[in-house]
Protein backbone atom coordinates (compact mmCIF):
# COMPACT_ATOMS: atom_id res chain seq x y z
CA UNK A 1 105.73 123.15 106.75
CA UNK A 2 102.04 122.96 107.64
CA UNK A 3 101.30 121.63 104.17
CA UNK A 4 103.91 118.90 104.66
CA UNK A 5 102.32 117.74 107.89
CA UNK A 6 98.80 117.91 106.49
CA UNK A 7 99.84 116.08 103.35
CA UNK A 8 101.57 113.34 105.37
CA UNK A 9 98.53 112.88 107.57
CA UNK A 10 96.25 112.89 104.53
CA UNK A 11 98.39 110.16 102.90
CA UNK A 12 98.12 108.06 106.06
CA UNK A 13 94.37 108.60 106.20
CA UNK A 14 93.94 107.76 102.53
CA UNK A 15 95.99 104.59 103.01
CA UNK A 16 93.79 103.31 105.82
CA UNK A 17 90.54 104.43 104.20
CA UNK A 18 91.54 102.44 101.12
CA UNK A 19 92.20 99.37 103.24
CA UNK A 20 88.81 99.74 104.95
CA UNK A 21 87.09 99.90 101.57
CA UNK A 22 88.72 96.61 100.56
CA UNK A 23 91.41 98.02 98.28
CA UNK A 24 95.02 97.23 99.07
CA UNK A 25 96.91 100.47 98.33
CA UNK A 26 100.19 98.56 98.19
CA UNK A 27 98.95 96.47 95.26
CA UNK A 28 96.43 98.70 93.53
CA UNK A 29 97.92 100.96 90.85
CA UNK A 30 95.00 103.38 91.20
CA UNK A 31 96.44 104.43 94.54
CA UNK A 32 99.50 105.83 92.73
CA UNK A 33 97.17 108.25 90.95
CA UNK A 34 95.50 109.18 94.24
CA UNK A 35 98.98 109.99 95.59
CA UNK A 36 99.64 112.21 92.58
CA UNK A 37 96.36 114.02 93.25
CA UNK A 38 97.12 114.49 96.94
CA UNK A 39 100.60 115.82 96.19
CA UNK A 40 99.19 118.14 93.54
CA UNK A 41 96.71 119.68 95.98
CA UNK A 42 99.13 120.24 98.84
CA UNK A 43 102.04 121.41 96.68
CA UNK A 44 99.70 123.71 94.77
CA UNK A 45 98.24 125.31 97.89
CA UNK A 46 101.67 125.59 99.51
CA UNK A 47 103.03 127.30 96.40
CA UNK A 48 99.96 129.49 96.03
CA UNK A 49 100.24 130.68 99.64
CA UNK A 50 103.92 131.49 99.18
CA UNK A 51 103.26 133.28 95.91
CA UNK A 52 100.31 135.34 97.14
CA UNK A 53 101.23 136.14 100.73
CA UNK A 54 105.01 136.06 100.94
CA UNK A 55 106.32 136.89 97.48
CA UNK A 56 104.08 139.70 96.16
CA UNK A 57 102.31 137.51 93.60
CA UNK A 58 105.46 136.23 91.91
CA UNK A 59 106.83 132.71 91.81
CA UNK A 60 109.80 131.54 89.84
CA UNK A 61 109.97 127.97 88.60
CA UNK A 62 112.84 127.12 90.95
CA UNK A 63 110.83 128.44 93.89
CA UNK A 64 107.91 126.22 92.89
CA UNK A 65 110.22 123.21 92.71
CA UNK A 66 111.72 124.06 96.10
CA UNK A 67 108.29 124.42 97.68
CA UNK A 68 107.29 121.11 96.12
CA UNK A 69 110.24 119.35 97.70
CA UNK A 70 109.62 121.04 101.06
CA UNK A 71 106.07 119.67 100.99
CA UNK A 72 106.87 116.30 99.42
CA UNK A 73 109.83 114.97 101.38
CA UNK A 74 108.57 115.59 104.96
CA UNK A 75 105.09 114.33 104.05
CA UNK A 76 106.49 111.07 102.68
CA UNK A 77 108.70 110.74 105.76
CA UNK A 78 105.66 111.25 108.01
CA UNK A 79 103.75 108.62 106.05
CA UNK A 80 106.70 106.21 106.21
CA UNK A 81 107.17 106.57 109.96
CA UNK A 82 103.46 105.97 110.63
CA UNK A 83 103.47 103.10 108.11
CA UNK A 84 106.39 101.44 109.89
CA UNK A 85 104.89 101.87 113.35
CA UNK A 86 101.50 100.50 112.27
CA UNK A 87 103.02 97.54 110.42
CA UNK A 88 105.30 96.71 113.36
CA UNK A 89 102.36 96.91 115.79
CA UNK A 90 100.07 94.87 113.54
CA UNK A 91 101.91 92.01 111.75
CA UNK A 92 98.63 90.86 110.19
CA UNK A 93 98.91 93.78 107.75
CA UNK A 94 102.10 92.33 106.26
CA UNK A 95 100.47 88.92 106.01
CA UNK A 96 97.42 90.47 104.33
CA UNK A 97 99.74 92.15 101.83
CA UNK A 98 101.48 88.85 101.08
CA UNK A 99 98.16 87.08 100.65
CA UNK A 100 96.89 89.80 98.31
CA UNK A 101 100.10 89.81 96.27
CA UNK A 102 99.99 86.02 95.87
CA UNK A 103 96.33 86.16 94.86
CA UNK A 104 97.12 88.80 92.27
CA UNK A 105 99.99 86.70 90.88
CA UNK A 106 97.85 83.55 90.77
CA UNK A 107 95.02 85.40 89.01
CA UNK A 108 97.45 86.69 86.37
CA UNK A 109 99.55 83.53 86.15
CA UNK A 110 99.04 82.82 82.45
CA UNK A 111 99.73 86.40 81.45
CA UNK A 112 102.81 86.58 83.69
CA UNK A 113 104.24 83.29 82.39
CA UNK A 114 103.51 84.30 78.79
CA UNK A 115 105.27 87.63 79.24
CA UNK A 116 108.18 86.30 81.29
CA UNK A 117 108.66 82.62 82.18
CA UNK A 118 107.57 79.90 84.58
CA UNK A 119 110.85 80.26 86.48
CA UNK A 120 110.40 84.01 86.96
CA UNK A 121 106.83 83.40 88.11
CA UNK A 122 108.10 81.01 90.79
CA UNK A 123 110.77 83.52 91.79
CA UNK A 124 108.13 86.22 92.14
CA UNK A 125 105.99 84.00 94.37
CA UNK A 126 109.07 83.25 96.51
CA UNK A 127 109.89 86.98 96.68
CA UNK A 128 106.42 87.68 98.06
CA UNK A 129 107.00 85.09 100.79
CA UNK A 130 110.31 86.77 101.70
CA UNK A 131 108.82 90.28 101.89
CA UNK A 132 109.54 92.22 105.07
CA UNK A 133 108.06 95.38 106.53
CA UNK A 134 111.27 97.32 105.84
CA UNK A 135 111.42 96.30 102.16
CA UNK A 136 107.75 97.10 101.75
CA UNK A 137 108.35 100.44 103.45
CA UNK A 138 111.18 101.37 101.10
CA UNK A 139 109.18 100.30 98.07
CA UNK A 140 106.23 102.42 99.16
CA UNK A 141 108.52 105.32 100.07
CA UNK A 142 110.07 105.42 96.59
CA UNK A 143 106.71 105.10 94.83
CA UNK A 144 105.44 108.13 96.72
CA UNK A 145 108.64 110.10 96.08
CA UNK A 146 108.34 109.33 92.35
CA UNK A 147 104.69 110.43 92.35
CA UNK A 148 105.69 113.69 94.01
CA UNK A 149 108.62 114.25 91.65
CA UNK A 150 106.29 113.78 88.68
CA UNK A 151 103.79 116.38 89.84
CA UNK A 152 106.11 119.01 91.36
CA UNK A 153 107.33 120.51 88.04
CA UNK A 154 103.73 120.61 86.75
CA UNK A 155 102.62 122.63 89.78
CA UNK A 156 105.69 124.89 89.51
CA UNK A 157 104.83 125.64 85.87
CA UNK A 158 101.17 126.32 86.69
CA UNK A 159 102.03 128.74 89.51
CA UNK A 160 105.06 130.50 88.09
CA UNK A 161 104.83 134.16 87.36
CA UNK A 162 107.90 136.27 86.81
CA UNK A 163 108.18 139.98 87.45
CA UNK A 164 108.31 142.11 84.30
């Protein structure tokens, strides 16, 4: 459980450090890869501790997956709760997200219209205006869950060792 708490706090810290360095982690795809790296580290060390100190050096794949979920789900819940509290306390963050999302859409207007249509572009701009903290929270929550689900089996495979 300590790895869940540490991972959740690390995700929160990484989120706000990214904002302070001028990168919007809600819009920047690179942040998804940072999340994968963070989950890898904490799931790996949680699994390694279980394997070495509680299971006599053995770890089955299913145990690695279970440990991954025990680290992943509470950490994302911790991040989400802090995210919600901060965004409710500071409405400027939501407005900054909307502004950044509109800027990104405007900068990629030609590409977006070419790939989709002018109507869909207008709908996307309208969707950004209608964004709420709760919808943004759920979107971020699922992105982090997906990142964790992608890395958990990899860590379980790396750590597994069956008794002979």
